[in-house]
N, C-alpha and C. Protein backbone atom coordinates (compact mmCIF):
# COMPACT_ATOMS: atom_id res chain seq x y z
N MET A 1 -12.08 -1.62 2.27
CA MET A 1 -13.35 -2.30 2.17
C MET A 1 -14.43 -1.42 2.78
N VAL A 2 -15.54 -1.27 2.05
CA VAL A 2 -16.65 -0.45 2.53
C VAL A 2 -17.66 -1.34 3.24
N ASP A 3 -18.18 -0.86 4.36
CA ASP A 3 -19.12 -1.66 5.15
C ASP A 3 -20.09 -0.75 5.89
N PHE A 4 -21.18 -1.32 6.36
CA PHE A 4 -22.08 -0.68 7.30
C PHE A 4 -21.79 -1.21 8.70
N SER A 5 -22.23 -0.47 9.70
CA SER A 5 -21.99 -0.89 11.08
C SER A 5 -22.96 -1.96 11.54
N GLY A 6 -24.13 -2.04 10.89
CA GLY A 6 -25.19 -2.92 11.36
C GLY A 6 -26.04 -2.23 12.41
N CYS A 7 -27.16 -2.83 12.74
CA CYS A 7 -28.03 -2.30 13.79
C CYS A 7 -28.79 -3.47 14.42
N PRO A 8 -28.52 -3.76 15.68
CA PRO A 8 -29.26 -4.84 16.36
C PRO A 8 -30.72 -4.46 16.58
N GLY A 9 -31.49 -5.43 17.05
CA GLY A 9 -32.86 -5.15 17.46
C GLY A 9 -32.91 -4.65 18.89
N ASP A 10 -34.01 -4.91 19.57
CA ASP A 10 -34.17 -4.40 20.94
C ASP A 10 -33.89 -5.45 22.01
N GLY A 11 -33.39 -6.61 21.61
CA GLY A 11 -33.08 -7.66 22.56
C GLY A 11 -32.62 -8.92 21.85
N PRO A 12 -32.23 -9.95 22.61
CA PRO A 12 -31.66 -11.17 22.03
C PRO A 12 -32.59 -11.89 21.06
N ASN A 13 -33.89 -11.74 21.22
CA ASN A 13 -34.83 -12.46 20.37
C ASN A 13 -35.41 -11.61 19.24
N ALA A 14 -34.88 -10.41 19.05
CA ALA A 14 -35.41 -9.52 18.02
C ALA A 14 -35.14 -10.08 16.63
N LYS A 15 -36.06 -9.80 15.71
CA LYS A 15 -35.92 -10.27 14.33
C LYS A 15 -35.76 -9.12 13.33
N ALA A 16 -35.73 -7.88 13.83
CA ALA A 16 -35.59 -6.72 12.95
C ALA A 16 -34.76 -5.65 13.67
N PRO A 17 -34.07 -4.79 12.92
CA PRO A 17 -33.29 -3.72 13.55
C PRO A 17 -34.18 -2.75 14.32
N ASN A 18 -33.56 -2.04 15.24
CA ASN A 18 -34.26 -1.02 16.01
C ASN A 18 -33.32 0.18 16.14
N TRP A 19 -33.55 1.22 15.33
CA TRP A 19 -32.65 2.37 15.31
C TRP A 19 -33.10 3.39 16.35
N VAL A 20 -32.28 3.62 17.36
CA VAL A 20 -32.59 4.55 18.44
C VAL A 20 -31.99 5.91 18.12
N THR A 21 -32.81 6.96 18.13
CA THR A 21 -32.32 8.30 17.76
C THR A 21 -32.57 9.35 18.83
N CYS A 22 -33.15 8.98 19.97
CA CYS A 22 -33.37 9.98 21.03
C CYS A 22 -33.32 9.28 22.39
N PRO A 23 -33.04 10.02 23.47
CA PRO A 23 -32.80 9.41 24.77
C PRO A 23 -34.05 9.24 25.65
N TRP A 24 -35.18 9.68 25.19
CA TRP A 24 -36.39 9.62 26.03
C TRP A 24 -37.55 9.10 25.20
N PRO A 25 -38.40 8.27 25.80
CA PRO A 25 -38.41 7.73 27.16
C PRO A 25 -37.18 6.88 27.47
N PRO A 26 -36.91 6.63 28.76
CA PRO A 26 -35.69 5.92 29.16
C PRO A 26 -35.54 4.54 28.53
N ASP A 27 -36.64 3.92 28.13
CA ASP A 27 -36.54 2.61 27.49
C ASP A 27 -35.64 2.66 26.26
N PHE A 28 -35.64 3.80 25.57
CA PHE A 28 -34.82 3.92 24.37
C PHE A 28 -33.33 3.77 24.70
N LEU A 29 -32.89 4.43 25.78
CA LEU A 29 -31.48 4.33 26.16
C LEU A 29 -31.13 2.93 26.64
N ASP A 30 -32.07 2.26 27.27
CA ASP A 30 -31.82 0.87 27.69
C ASP A 30 -31.55 0.01 26.46
N VAL A 31 -32.36 0.21 25.41
CA VAL A 31 -32.15 -0.54 24.17
C VAL A 31 -30.79 -0.19 23.55
N LEU A 32 -30.48 1.11 23.50
CA LEU A 32 -29.23 1.56 22.89
C LEU A 32 -28.02 0.99 23.62
N ASN A 33 -28.05 1.04 24.95
CA ASN A 33 -26.93 0.51 25.74
C ASN A 33 -26.77 -0.98 25.51
N TRP A 34 -27.88 -1.70 25.44
CA TRP A 34 -27.80 -3.14 25.19
C TRP A 34 -27.19 -3.40 23.81
N GLN A 35 -27.61 -2.64 22.81
CA GLN A 35 -27.08 -2.83 21.46
C GLN A 35 -25.56 -2.69 21.44
N TRP A 36 -25.06 -1.60 22.01
CA TRP A 36 -23.62 -1.35 21.97
C TRP A 36 -22.85 -2.31 22.85
N ASP A 37 -23.34 -2.55 24.06
CA ASP A 37 -22.58 -3.37 25.01
C ASP A 37 -22.59 -4.86 24.65
N GLU A 38 -23.74 -5.36 24.23
CA GLU A 38 -23.89 -6.80 24.06
C GLU A 38 -23.70 -7.28 22.63
N VAL A 39 -23.88 -6.40 21.64
CA VAL A 39 -23.81 -6.85 20.25
C VAL A 39 -22.71 -6.13 19.48
N VAL A 40 -22.77 -4.80 19.43
CA VAL A 40 -21.83 -4.04 18.61
C VAL A 40 -20.39 -4.22 19.09
N THR A 41 -20.16 -4.08 20.39
CA THR A 41 -18.79 -4.14 20.91
C THR A 41 -18.11 -5.49 20.67
N PRO A 42 -18.71 -6.61 21.06
CA PRO A 42 -18.00 -7.87 20.79
C PRO A 42 -17.83 -8.17 19.31
N TYR A 43 -18.84 -7.82 18.50
CA TYR A 43 -18.74 -8.09 17.06
C TYR A 43 -17.61 -7.29 16.44
N TRP A 44 -17.55 -5.99 16.71
CA TRP A 44 -16.58 -5.15 16.04
C TRP A 44 -15.18 -5.25 16.64
N LYS A 45 -15.06 -5.66 17.89
CA LYS A 45 -13.73 -5.95 18.41
C LYS A 45 -13.09 -7.08 17.62
N GLU A 46 -13.88 -8.13 17.37
CA GLU A 46 -13.37 -9.27 16.63
C GLU A 46 -13.05 -8.89 15.19
N HIS A 47 -13.97 -8.18 14.54
CA HIS A 47 -13.77 -7.85 13.14
C HIS A 47 -12.71 -6.78 12.93
N GLY A 48 -12.58 -5.85 13.86
CA GLY A 48 -11.52 -4.85 13.77
C GLY A 48 -10.15 -5.49 13.88
N LYS A 49 -10.02 -6.46 14.78
CA LYS A 49 -8.74 -7.16 14.93
C LYS A 49 -8.45 -8.00 13.68
N LEU A 50 -9.47 -8.67 13.16
CA LEU A 50 -9.28 -9.48 11.96
C LEU A 50 -8.81 -8.61 10.79
N ALA A 51 -9.44 -7.43 10.65
CA ALA A 51 -9.05 -6.53 9.56
C ALA A 51 -7.61 -6.06 9.74
N ALA A 52 -7.26 -5.66 10.96
CA ALA A 52 -5.90 -5.17 11.22
C ALA A 52 -4.86 -6.26 10.98
N ASP A 53 -5.17 -7.48 11.39
CA ASP A 53 -4.23 -8.59 11.22
C ASP A 53 -3.96 -8.88 9.74
N HIS A 54 -4.91 -8.54 8.86
CA HIS A 54 -4.75 -8.83 7.43
C HIS A 54 -4.50 -7.56 6.61
N GLY A 55 -4.21 -6.46 7.29
CA GLY A 55 -3.89 -5.23 6.58
C GLY A 55 -5.06 -4.62 5.83
N VAL A 56 -6.28 -4.86 6.29
CA VAL A 56 -7.48 -4.35 5.64
C VAL A 56 -7.98 -3.11 6.37
N LYS A 57 -8.33 -2.08 5.62
CA LYS A 57 -8.95 -0.88 6.19
C LYS A 57 -10.43 -0.88 5.84
N ILE A 58 -11.26 -0.63 6.85
CA ILE A 58 -12.71 -0.68 6.68
C ILE A 58 -13.27 0.74 6.68
N ALA A 59 -13.96 1.10 5.62
CA ALA A 59 -14.61 2.41 5.52
C ALA A 59 -16.08 2.24 5.86
N ILE A 60 -16.50 2.79 6.98
CA ILE A 60 -17.88 2.66 7.44
C ILE A 60 -18.73 3.75 6.79
N GLU A 61 -19.81 3.34 6.13
CA GLU A 61 -20.76 4.30 5.59
C GLU A 61 -21.76 4.68 6.69
N MET A 62 -21.72 5.93 7.09
CA MET A 62 -22.63 6.43 8.13
C MET A 62 -24.00 6.66 7.49
N HIS A 63 -24.98 5.89 7.91
CA HIS A 63 -26.26 5.87 7.20
C HIS A 63 -27.39 5.80 8.22
N PRO A 64 -28.45 6.57 8.03
CA PRO A 64 -29.62 6.44 8.91
C PRO A 64 -30.11 5.00 8.97
N GLY A 65 -30.49 4.56 10.15
CA GLY A 65 -30.97 3.21 10.34
C GLY A 65 -29.94 2.26 10.91
N PHE A 66 -28.67 2.74 11.01
CA PHE A 66 -27.59 1.91 11.54
C PHE A 66 -27.06 2.55 12.82
N VAL A 67 -26.35 1.75 13.66
CA VAL A 67 -25.84 2.32 14.91
C VAL A 67 -24.80 3.40 14.66
N VAL A 68 -24.07 3.30 13.54
CA VAL A 68 -23.13 4.37 13.16
C VAL A 68 -23.77 5.18 12.05
N TYR A 69 -24.17 6.41 12.38
CA TYR A 69 -24.88 7.26 11.42
C TYR A 69 -24.39 8.70 11.45
N ASN A 70 -23.41 9.02 12.31
CA ASN A 70 -22.85 10.37 12.38
C ASN A 70 -21.41 10.29 12.88
N PRO A 71 -20.66 11.40 12.88
CA PRO A 71 -19.26 11.34 13.32
C PRO A 71 -19.09 10.83 14.76
N GLU A 72 -20.00 11.20 15.65
CA GLU A 72 -19.87 10.77 17.05
C GLU A 72 -19.94 9.25 17.18
N THR A 73 -20.91 8.63 16.51
CA THR A 73 -21.04 7.18 16.61
C THR A 73 -19.92 6.47 15.83
N LEU A 74 -19.40 7.11 14.77
CA LEU A 74 -18.26 6.54 14.07
C LEU A 74 -17.05 6.47 15.00
N LEU A 75 -16.77 7.55 15.72
CA LEU A 75 -15.62 7.57 16.63
C LEU A 75 -15.81 6.57 17.76
N ARG A 76 -17.06 6.38 18.19
CA ARG A 76 -17.33 5.39 19.23
C ARG A 76 -16.99 3.99 18.72
N LEU A 77 -17.38 3.70 17.48
CA LEU A 77 -17.07 2.39 16.91
C LEU A 77 -15.57 2.23 16.71
N ARG A 78 -14.90 3.27 16.25
CA ARG A 78 -13.45 3.20 16.02
C ARG A 78 -12.71 2.94 17.33
N ALA A 79 -13.19 3.54 18.43
CA ALA A 79 -12.56 3.30 19.73
C ALA A 79 -12.68 1.83 20.14
N ILE A 80 -13.74 1.19 19.68
CA ILE A 80 -13.96 -0.23 19.98
C ILE A 80 -13.15 -1.11 19.04
N ALA A 81 -13.24 -0.82 17.74
CA ALA A 81 -12.69 -1.72 16.72
C ALA A 81 -11.23 -1.46 16.42
N GLY A 82 -10.73 -0.26 16.71
CA GLY A 82 -9.34 0.05 16.44
C GLY A 82 -9.15 0.84 15.16
N PRO A 83 -7.91 1.19 14.84
CA PRO A 83 -7.62 2.10 13.73
C PRO A 83 -7.89 1.52 12.35
N ALA A 84 -8.21 0.24 12.24
CA ALA A 84 -8.57 -0.32 10.93
C ALA A 84 -9.90 0.24 10.44
N VAL A 85 -10.68 0.83 11.35
CA VAL A 85 -12.01 1.35 11.00
C VAL A 85 -11.95 2.86 10.84
N GLY A 86 -12.47 3.36 9.71
CA GLY A 86 -12.58 4.78 9.45
C GLY A 86 -13.90 5.08 8.78
N ALA A 87 -13.99 6.24 8.12
CA ALA A 87 -15.26 6.69 7.55
C ALA A 87 -15.23 6.60 6.03
N LYS A 88 -16.36 6.22 5.46
CA LYS A 88 -16.60 6.39 4.04
C LYS A 88 -17.47 7.63 3.88
N SER A 89 -17.06 8.54 3.04
CA SER A 89 -17.69 9.85 3.04
C SER A 89 -18.91 9.98 2.16
N ARG A 90 -19.35 8.94 1.47
CA ARG A 90 -20.58 9.06 0.69
C ARG A 90 -21.71 9.55 1.57
N SER A 91 -21.73 9.06 2.81
CA SER A 91 -22.83 9.40 3.69
C SER A 91 -22.81 10.84 4.16
N GLN A 92 -21.65 11.50 4.06
CA GLN A 92 -21.58 12.85 4.58
C GLN A 92 -22.27 13.88 3.70
N PRO A 93 -21.87 14.06 2.43
CA PRO A 93 -22.53 15.11 1.67
C PRO A 93 -24.01 14.85 1.46
N SER A 94 -24.42 13.60 1.42
CA SER A 94 -25.83 13.33 1.12
C SER A 94 -26.62 13.00 2.36
N PHE A 95 -26.30 11.88 3.01
CA PHE A 95 -27.13 11.43 4.11
C PHE A 95 -27.01 12.33 5.34
N LEU A 96 -25.83 12.87 5.60
CA LEU A 96 -25.70 13.77 6.74
C LEU A 96 -26.43 15.08 6.48
N ALA A 97 -26.48 15.50 5.23
CA ALA A 97 -27.24 16.71 4.92
C ALA A 97 -28.73 16.42 4.96
N ARG A 98 -29.12 15.28 4.39
CA ARG A 98 -30.54 14.92 4.32
C ARG A 98 -31.14 14.74 5.71
N HIS A 99 -30.37 14.16 6.64
CA HIS A 99 -30.86 13.91 7.99
C HIS A 99 -30.05 14.72 9.00
N ARG A 100 -29.75 15.96 8.66
CA ARG A 100 -28.82 16.75 9.48
C ARG A 100 -29.21 16.82 10.95
N PRO A 101 -30.47 16.95 11.35
CA PRO A 101 -30.76 16.98 12.78
C PRO A 101 -30.28 15.73 13.51
N HIS A 102 -30.27 14.57 12.82
CA HIS A 102 -29.81 13.33 13.43
C HIS A 102 -28.33 13.07 13.18
N CYS A 103 -27.84 13.42 11.99
CA CYS A 103 -26.58 12.88 11.51
C CYS A 103 -25.42 13.85 11.47
N GLY A 104 -25.63 15.14 11.66
CA GLY A 104 -24.50 16.05 11.78
C GLY A 104 -24.21 16.85 10.53
N ASP A 105 -23.12 17.62 10.60
CA ASP A 105 -22.75 18.54 9.54
C ASP A 105 -21.76 17.88 8.58
N PRO A 106 -22.00 17.98 7.27
CA PRO A 106 -21.13 17.31 6.32
C PRO A 106 -19.67 17.74 6.38
N CYS A 107 -19.40 19.04 6.48
CA CYS A 107 -18.01 19.50 6.50
C CYS A 107 -17.34 19.17 7.83
N ALA A 108 -18.06 19.34 8.93
CA ALA A 108 -17.48 19.00 10.22
C ALA A 108 -17.16 17.52 10.31
N GLY A 109 -17.99 16.70 9.68
CA GLY A 109 -17.77 15.27 9.72
C GLY A 109 -16.49 14.83 9.04
N ARG A 110 -15.92 15.65 8.18
CA ARG A 110 -14.71 15.28 7.47
C ARG A 110 -13.48 15.37 8.36
N ARG A 111 -13.62 15.85 9.58
CA ARG A 111 -12.47 16.00 10.46
C ARG A 111 -12.19 14.73 11.24
N HIS A 112 -12.64 13.62 10.73
CA HIS A 112 -12.46 12.34 11.39
C HIS A 112 -11.81 11.36 10.43
N PRO A 113 -11.29 10.22 10.93
CA PRO A 113 -10.53 9.29 10.08
C PRO A 113 -11.32 8.89 8.84
N LEU A 114 -10.73 9.14 7.66
CA LEU A 114 -11.44 8.97 6.41
C LEU A 114 -10.76 7.89 5.57
N ARG A 115 -11.57 6.99 5.01
CA ARG A 115 -11.04 5.93 4.16
C ARG A 115 -11.33 6.17 2.68
N SER A 116 -12.50 6.71 2.37
CA SER A 116 -12.85 6.99 0.97
C SER A 116 -13.85 8.12 0.95
N CYS A 117 -14.00 8.77 -0.21
CA CYS A 117 -14.89 9.92 -0.29
C CYS A 117 -15.59 9.95 -1.64
N GLN A 118 -16.88 10.29 -1.62
CA GLN A 118 -17.65 10.40 -2.85
C GLN A 118 -18.34 11.75 -2.92
N GLY A 119 -18.38 12.31 -4.13
CA GLY A 119 -19.18 13.49 -4.38
C GLY A 119 -20.62 13.05 -4.62
N TYR A 120 -21.50 13.40 -3.68
CA TYR A 120 -22.84 12.80 -3.74
C TYR A 120 -23.78 13.65 -2.86
N PRO A 121 -24.32 14.76 -3.40
CA PRO A 121 -25.07 15.68 -2.56
C PRO A 121 -26.56 15.38 -2.52
N ALA A 122 -27.19 15.84 -1.46
CA ALA A 122 -28.65 15.80 -1.38
C ALA A 122 -29.15 17.22 -1.20
N LEU A 123 -30.20 17.58 -1.91
CA LEU A 123 -30.83 18.87 -1.76
C LEU A 123 -31.99 18.72 -0.79
N CYS A 124 -31.97 19.49 0.29
CA CYS A 124 -33.02 19.39 1.31
C CYS A 124 -33.92 20.61 1.24
N ARG A 125 -35.20 20.38 1.39
CA ARG A 125 -36.15 21.48 1.40
C ARG A 125 -37.26 21.17 2.38
N GLN A 126 -37.93 22.18 2.85
CA GLN A 126 -38.99 21.98 3.83
C GLN A 126 -40.24 21.41 3.15
N HIS A 127 -40.81 20.40 3.76
CA HIS A 127 -42.04 19.81 3.24
C HIS A 127 -43.04 19.75 4.40
N ALA A 128 -44.16 20.40 4.23
CA ALA A 128 -45.13 20.55 5.32
C ALA A 128 -45.61 19.21 5.84
N ALA A 129 -45.77 18.22 4.97
CA ALA A 129 -46.35 16.95 5.39
C ALA A 129 -45.31 16.00 5.98
N TYR A 130 -44.07 16.00 5.44
CA TYR A 130 -43.12 14.96 5.80
C TYR A 130 -41.93 15.44 6.63
N GLY A 131 -41.69 16.73 6.72
CA GLY A 131 -40.54 17.20 7.46
C GLY A 131 -39.24 16.74 6.83
N GLY A 132 -38.24 16.42 7.65
CA GLY A 132 -36.93 16.07 7.13
C GLY A 132 -36.72 14.59 6.87
N THR A 133 -37.66 13.75 7.25
CA THR A 133 -37.52 12.33 7.04
C THR A 133 -38.81 11.79 6.42
N GLY A 134 -38.79 10.52 6.05
CA GLY A 134 -39.98 9.92 5.47
C GLY A 134 -39.64 8.63 4.78
N HIS A 135 -40.66 7.95 4.26
CA HIS A 135 -40.47 6.65 3.64
C HIS A 135 -40.80 6.69 2.15
N GLN A 136 -40.82 7.87 1.57
CA GLN A 136 -41.13 8.00 0.15
C GLN A 136 -39.97 7.47 -0.69
N THR A 137 -40.28 6.77 -1.77
CA THR A 137 -39.24 6.17 -2.59
C THR A 137 -38.53 7.22 -3.44
N LEU A 138 -37.46 6.78 -4.11
CA LEU A 138 -36.57 7.70 -4.82
C LEU A 138 -37.29 8.54 -5.86
N TYR A 139 -38.30 7.98 -6.53
CA TYR A 139 -38.92 8.68 -7.65
C TYR A 139 -40.18 9.45 -7.26
N LYS A 140 -40.45 9.59 -5.98
CA LYS A 140 -41.55 10.44 -5.53
C LYS A 140 -40.99 11.79 -5.10
N GLU A 141 -40.34 12.47 -6.05
CA GLU A 141 -39.63 13.70 -5.72
C GLU A 141 -40.52 14.77 -5.11
N ARG A 142 -41.77 14.87 -5.61
CA ARG A 142 -42.65 15.94 -5.13
C ARG A 142 -43.13 15.70 -3.70
N ASP A 143 -43.05 14.48 -3.24
CA ASP A 143 -43.59 14.14 -1.92
C ASP A 143 -42.53 14.04 -0.85
N ARG A 144 -41.27 14.35 -1.18
CA ARG A 144 -40.20 14.23 -0.20
C ARG A 144 -39.66 15.60 0.16
N SER A 145 -38.98 15.66 1.32
CA SER A 145 -38.31 16.89 1.71
C SER A 145 -36.85 16.90 1.25
N TRP A 146 -36.44 15.89 0.49
CA TRP A 146 -35.06 15.80 0.00
C TRP A 146 -35.07 15.15 -1.37
N ILE A 147 -33.99 15.37 -2.09
CA ILE A 147 -33.81 14.73 -3.40
C ILE A 147 -32.32 14.65 -3.68
N PHE A 148 -31.85 13.52 -4.19
CA PHE A 148 -30.45 13.40 -4.58
C PHE A 148 -30.23 14.19 -5.87
N ARG A 149 -29.20 15.05 -5.87
CA ARG A 149 -28.91 15.87 -7.05
C ARG A 149 -27.46 15.70 -7.48
N THR A 150 -27.23 16.01 -8.73
CA THR A 150 -25.89 16.01 -9.28
C THR A 150 -25.05 17.08 -8.58
N VAL A 151 -23.75 16.81 -8.45
CA VAL A 151 -22.83 17.78 -7.86
C VAL A 151 -22.99 19.13 -8.56
N GLY A 152 -23.20 20.19 -7.77
CA GLY A 152 -23.40 21.52 -8.31
C GLY A 152 -24.85 21.94 -8.32
N TYR A 153 -25.77 20.98 -8.16
CA TYR A 153 -27.20 21.30 -8.13
C TYR A 153 -27.78 21.18 -6.72
N GLY A 154 -27.17 20.34 -5.89
CA GLY A 154 -27.57 20.28 -4.49
C GLY A 154 -26.83 21.31 -3.66
N HIS A 155 -25.54 21.48 -3.97
CA HIS A 155 -24.69 22.47 -3.31
C HIS A 155 -23.91 23.23 -4.38
N SER A 156 -23.54 24.45 -4.07
CA SER A 156 -22.83 25.30 -5.02
C SER A 156 -21.35 24.93 -5.08
N ALA A 157 -20.65 25.51 -6.05
CA ALA A 157 -19.20 25.33 -6.16
C ALA A 157 -18.50 25.85 -4.90
N GLU A 158 -19.03 26.92 -4.31
CA GLU A 158 -18.44 27.46 -3.08
C GLU A 158 -18.50 26.42 -1.96
N TRP A 159 -19.65 25.72 -1.84
CA TRP A 159 -19.79 24.69 -0.81
C TRP A 159 -18.79 23.57 -1.03
N TRP A 160 -18.66 23.13 -2.29
CA TRP A 160 -17.73 22.04 -2.59
C TRP A 160 -16.28 22.47 -2.38
N SER A 161 -15.98 23.75 -2.60
CA SER A 161 -14.63 24.24 -2.32
C SER A 161 -14.31 24.11 -0.84
N GLU A 162 -15.27 24.48 0.01
CA GLU A 162 -15.05 24.34 1.45
C GLU A 162 -14.90 22.87 1.83
N PHE A 163 -15.74 22.01 1.26
CA PHE A 163 -15.71 20.59 1.57
C PHE A 163 -14.36 19.98 1.22
N ILE A 164 -13.87 20.27 0.01
CA ILE A 164 -12.60 19.70 -0.43
C ILE A 164 -11.43 20.32 0.33
N SER A 165 -11.52 21.60 0.67
CA SER A 165 -10.47 22.22 1.47
C SER A 165 -10.39 21.57 2.85
N THR A 166 -11.54 21.23 3.41
CA THR A 166 -11.55 20.56 4.71
C THR A 166 -10.93 19.18 4.61
N LEU A 167 -11.23 18.45 3.53
CA LEU A 167 -10.59 17.16 3.33
C LEU A 167 -9.07 17.30 3.33
N ARG A 168 -8.56 18.26 2.55
CA ARG A 168 -7.12 18.45 2.46
C ARG A 168 -6.53 18.88 3.80
N MET A 169 -7.23 19.75 4.51
CA MET A 169 -6.74 20.25 5.79
C MET A 169 -6.50 19.13 6.78
N TYR A 170 -7.38 18.09 6.72
CA TYR A 170 -7.27 17.00 7.68
C TYR A 170 -6.60 15.76 7.08
N GLY A 171 -5.87 15.95 5.97
CA GLY A 171 -4.96 14.93 5.52
C GLY A 171 -5.48 13.96 4.48
N TYR A 172 -6.71 14.16 3.96
CA TYR A 172 -7.22 13.24 2.95
C TYR A 172 -6.68 13.63 1.58
N ASP A 173 -6.00 12.69 0.93
CA ASP A 173 -5.41 12.96 -0.38
C ASP A 173 -5.54 11.69 -1.23
N TYR A 174 -6.78 11.33 -1.51
CA TYR A 174 -7.04 10.09 -2.22
C TYR A 174 -8.17 10.33 -3.21
N VAL A 175 -8.88 9.29 -3.58
CA VAL A 175 -9.89 9.36 -4.62
C VAL A 175 -11.13 10.12 -4.15
N LEU A 176 -11.66 10.96 -5.03
CA LEU A 176 -12.99 11.56 -4.84
C LEU A 176 -13.86 11.03 -5.96
N SER A 177 -14.65 10.01 -5.67
CA SER A 177 -15.47 9.38 -6.71
C SER A 177 -16.84 10.03 -6.77
N ILE A 178 -17.55 9.77 -7.84
CA ILE A 178 -18.87 10.37 -8.06
C ILE A 178 -19.91 9.27 -8.14
N GLU A 179 -20.96 9.38 -7.37
CA GLU A 179 -22.08 8.44 -7.45
C GLU A 179 -23.30 9.19 -7.98
N HIS A 180 -23.94 8.65 -8.99
CA HIS A 180 -25.07 9.32 -9.62
C HIS A 180 -26.38 8.66 -9.21
N GLU A 181 -27.25 9.42 -8.54
CA GLU A 181 -28.61 8.96 -8.23
C GLU A 181 -29.61 10.08 -8.45
N ASP A 182 -29.25 11.02 -9.29
CA ASP A 182 -30.13 12.15 -9.60
C ASP A 182 -31.22 11.68 -10.56
N SER A 183 -32.45 11.64 -10.09
CA SER A 183 -33.55 11.12 -10.92
C SER A 183 -34.01 12.13 -11.96
N LEU A 184 -33.47 13.36 -11.93
CA LEU A 184 -33.84 14.38 -12.90
C LEU A 184 -32.85 14.49 -14.05
N MET A 185 -31.75 13.73 -14.00
CA MET A 185 -30.74 13.78 -15.05
C MET A 185 -30.34 12.37 -15.44
N SER A 186 -29.94 12.20 -16.69
CA SER A 186 -29.39 10.93 -17.12
C SER A 186 -28.02 10.74 -16.49
N PRO A 187 -27.54 9.49 -16.39
CA PRO A 187 -26.20 9.28 -15.85
C PRO A 187 -25.12 10.03 -16.62
N ASP A 188 -25.20 10.04 -17.96
CA ASP A 188 -24.18 10.74 -18.75
C ASP A 188 -24.16 12.23 -18.43
N GLU A 189 -25.35 12.85 -18.39
CA GLU A 189 -25.41 14.28 -18.12
C GLU A 189 -24.95 14.58 -16.70
N GLY A 190 -25.44 13.81 -15.74
CA GLY A 190 -25.09 14.07 -14.34
C GLY A 190 -23.62 13.90 -14.06
N LEU A 191 -23.02 12.82 -14.56
CA LEU A 191 -21.60 12.58 -14.31
C LEU A 191 -20.73 13.60 -15.01
N THR A 192 -21.11 14.00 -16.22
CA THR A 192 -20.34 15.01 -16.95
C THR A 192 -20.33 16.34 -16.20
N LYS A 193 -21.49 16.76 -15.73
CA LYS A 193 -21.57 18.04 -15.01
C LYS A 193 -20.87 17.97 -13.66
N ALA A 194 -21.00 16.84 -12.97
CA ALA A 194 -20.33 16.69 -11.68
C ALA A 194 -18.82 16.73 -11.84
N ALA A 195 -18.31 16.01 -12.83
CA ALA A 195 -16.86 15.99 -13.05
C ALA A 195 -16.34 17.37 -13.43
N ALA A 196 -17.11 18.11 -14.22
CA ALA A 196 -16.68 19.45 -14.64
C ALA A 196 -16.57 20.38 -13.44
N LEU A 197 -17.56 20.32 -12.54
CA LEU A 197 -17.50 21.21 -11.37
C LEU A 197 -16.37 20.82 -10.43
N LEU A 198 -16.26 19.53 -10.15
CA LEU A 198 -15.23 19.10 -9.19
C LEU A 198 -13.83 19.37 -9.72
N SER A 199 -13.65 19.27 -11.02
CA SER A 199 -12.32 19.53 -11.59
C SER A 199 -11.90 20.98 -11.38
N GLN A 200 -12.87 21.88 -11.19
CA GLN A 200 -12.56 23.28 -10.97
C GLN A 200 -12.15 23.57 -9.53
N VAL A 201 -12.62 22.75 -8.59
CA VAL A 201 -12.40 23.09 -7.18
C VAL A 201 -11.45 22.15 -6.47
N ILE A 202 -11.08 21.02 -7.08
CA ILE A 202 -10.14 20.10 -6.44
C ILE A 202 -8.77 20.75 -6.35
N ILE A 203 -8.14 20.59 -5.21
CA ILE A 203 -6.81 21.12 -4.97
C ILE A 203 -5.80 20.05 -5.37
N ASN A 204 -5.07 20.27 -6.45
CA ASN A 204 -4.17 19.24 -6.97
C ASN A 204 -2.77 19.31 -6.37
N ASP A 205 -2.34 20.48 -5.95
CA ASP A 205 -0.98 20.64 -5.45
C ASP A 205 -0.97 20.53 -3.94
N LYS A 206 0.15 20.06 -3.39
CA LYS A 206 0.33 20.03 -1.94
C LYS A 206 0.37 21.46 -1.42
N PRO A 207 -0.27 21.73 -0.26
CA PRO A 207 -0.22 23.09 0.27
C PRO A 207 1.21 23.49 0.66
N ALA A 208 1.54 24.74 0.40
CA ALA A 208 2.86 25.24 0.74
C ALA A 208 3.01 25.38 2.25
N ALA A 209 4.25 25.25 2.72
CA ALA A 209 4.51 25.44 4.15
C ALA A 209 4.31 26.91 4.52
N ALA A 210 3.80 27.13 5.73
CA ALA A 210 3.58 28.51 6.21
C ALA A 210 4.76 28.94 7.08
N TRP A 211 5.21 30.14 6.85
CA TRP A 211 6.31 30.69 7.64
C TRP A 211 5.80 31.89 8.41
N TRP A 212 6.09 31.89 9.69
CA TRP A 212 5.64 32.99 10.57
C TRP A 212 6.86 33.75 11.03
N VAL A 213 6.83 35.06 10.86
CA VAL A 213 7.96 35.91 11.24
C VAL A 213 7.64 36.65 12.53
């Protein structure tokens, strides 16, 4: 089951989320500690146990705006909720690349418990006005510092080879699905090209055992 971690507000009476991304001023850490201690921990302890009791595995999508948005916060949640909680990798190739200063490295992030994985890259570029983040909608491509692209257009085949090799190295041997949100290509064109590239770099055979003499 795929899920988000959620994001509390800044106190018991808050009516909107409050995403904390830096430790200063100190008020920010006070809010963050309250979120994890008073809301996230009791909620996910209960839900992690419920999932484990029913044989359900939860794949958390690490996404900007939520308390779990990078590998470090994912592992923090897993320590609270238990082994029923792992990572959904859609957020890694796209959102972790798009918000890399906040969210981490896509390939390094694959070295953590993984539940599902999607081929879904984002192309990041420098934008003088907006930097690496912003509130521009999907179809304002010229005004953003990022854009969702079809596999092979955001990252090269070499990048995807490393990504898939890292998945295999850390034991992931399941579905690699494709999500299309490339506003410059039709779904048919984007999915066809993505599938063609991934079929060239996916490792289908189990790695051979290494012998050292």
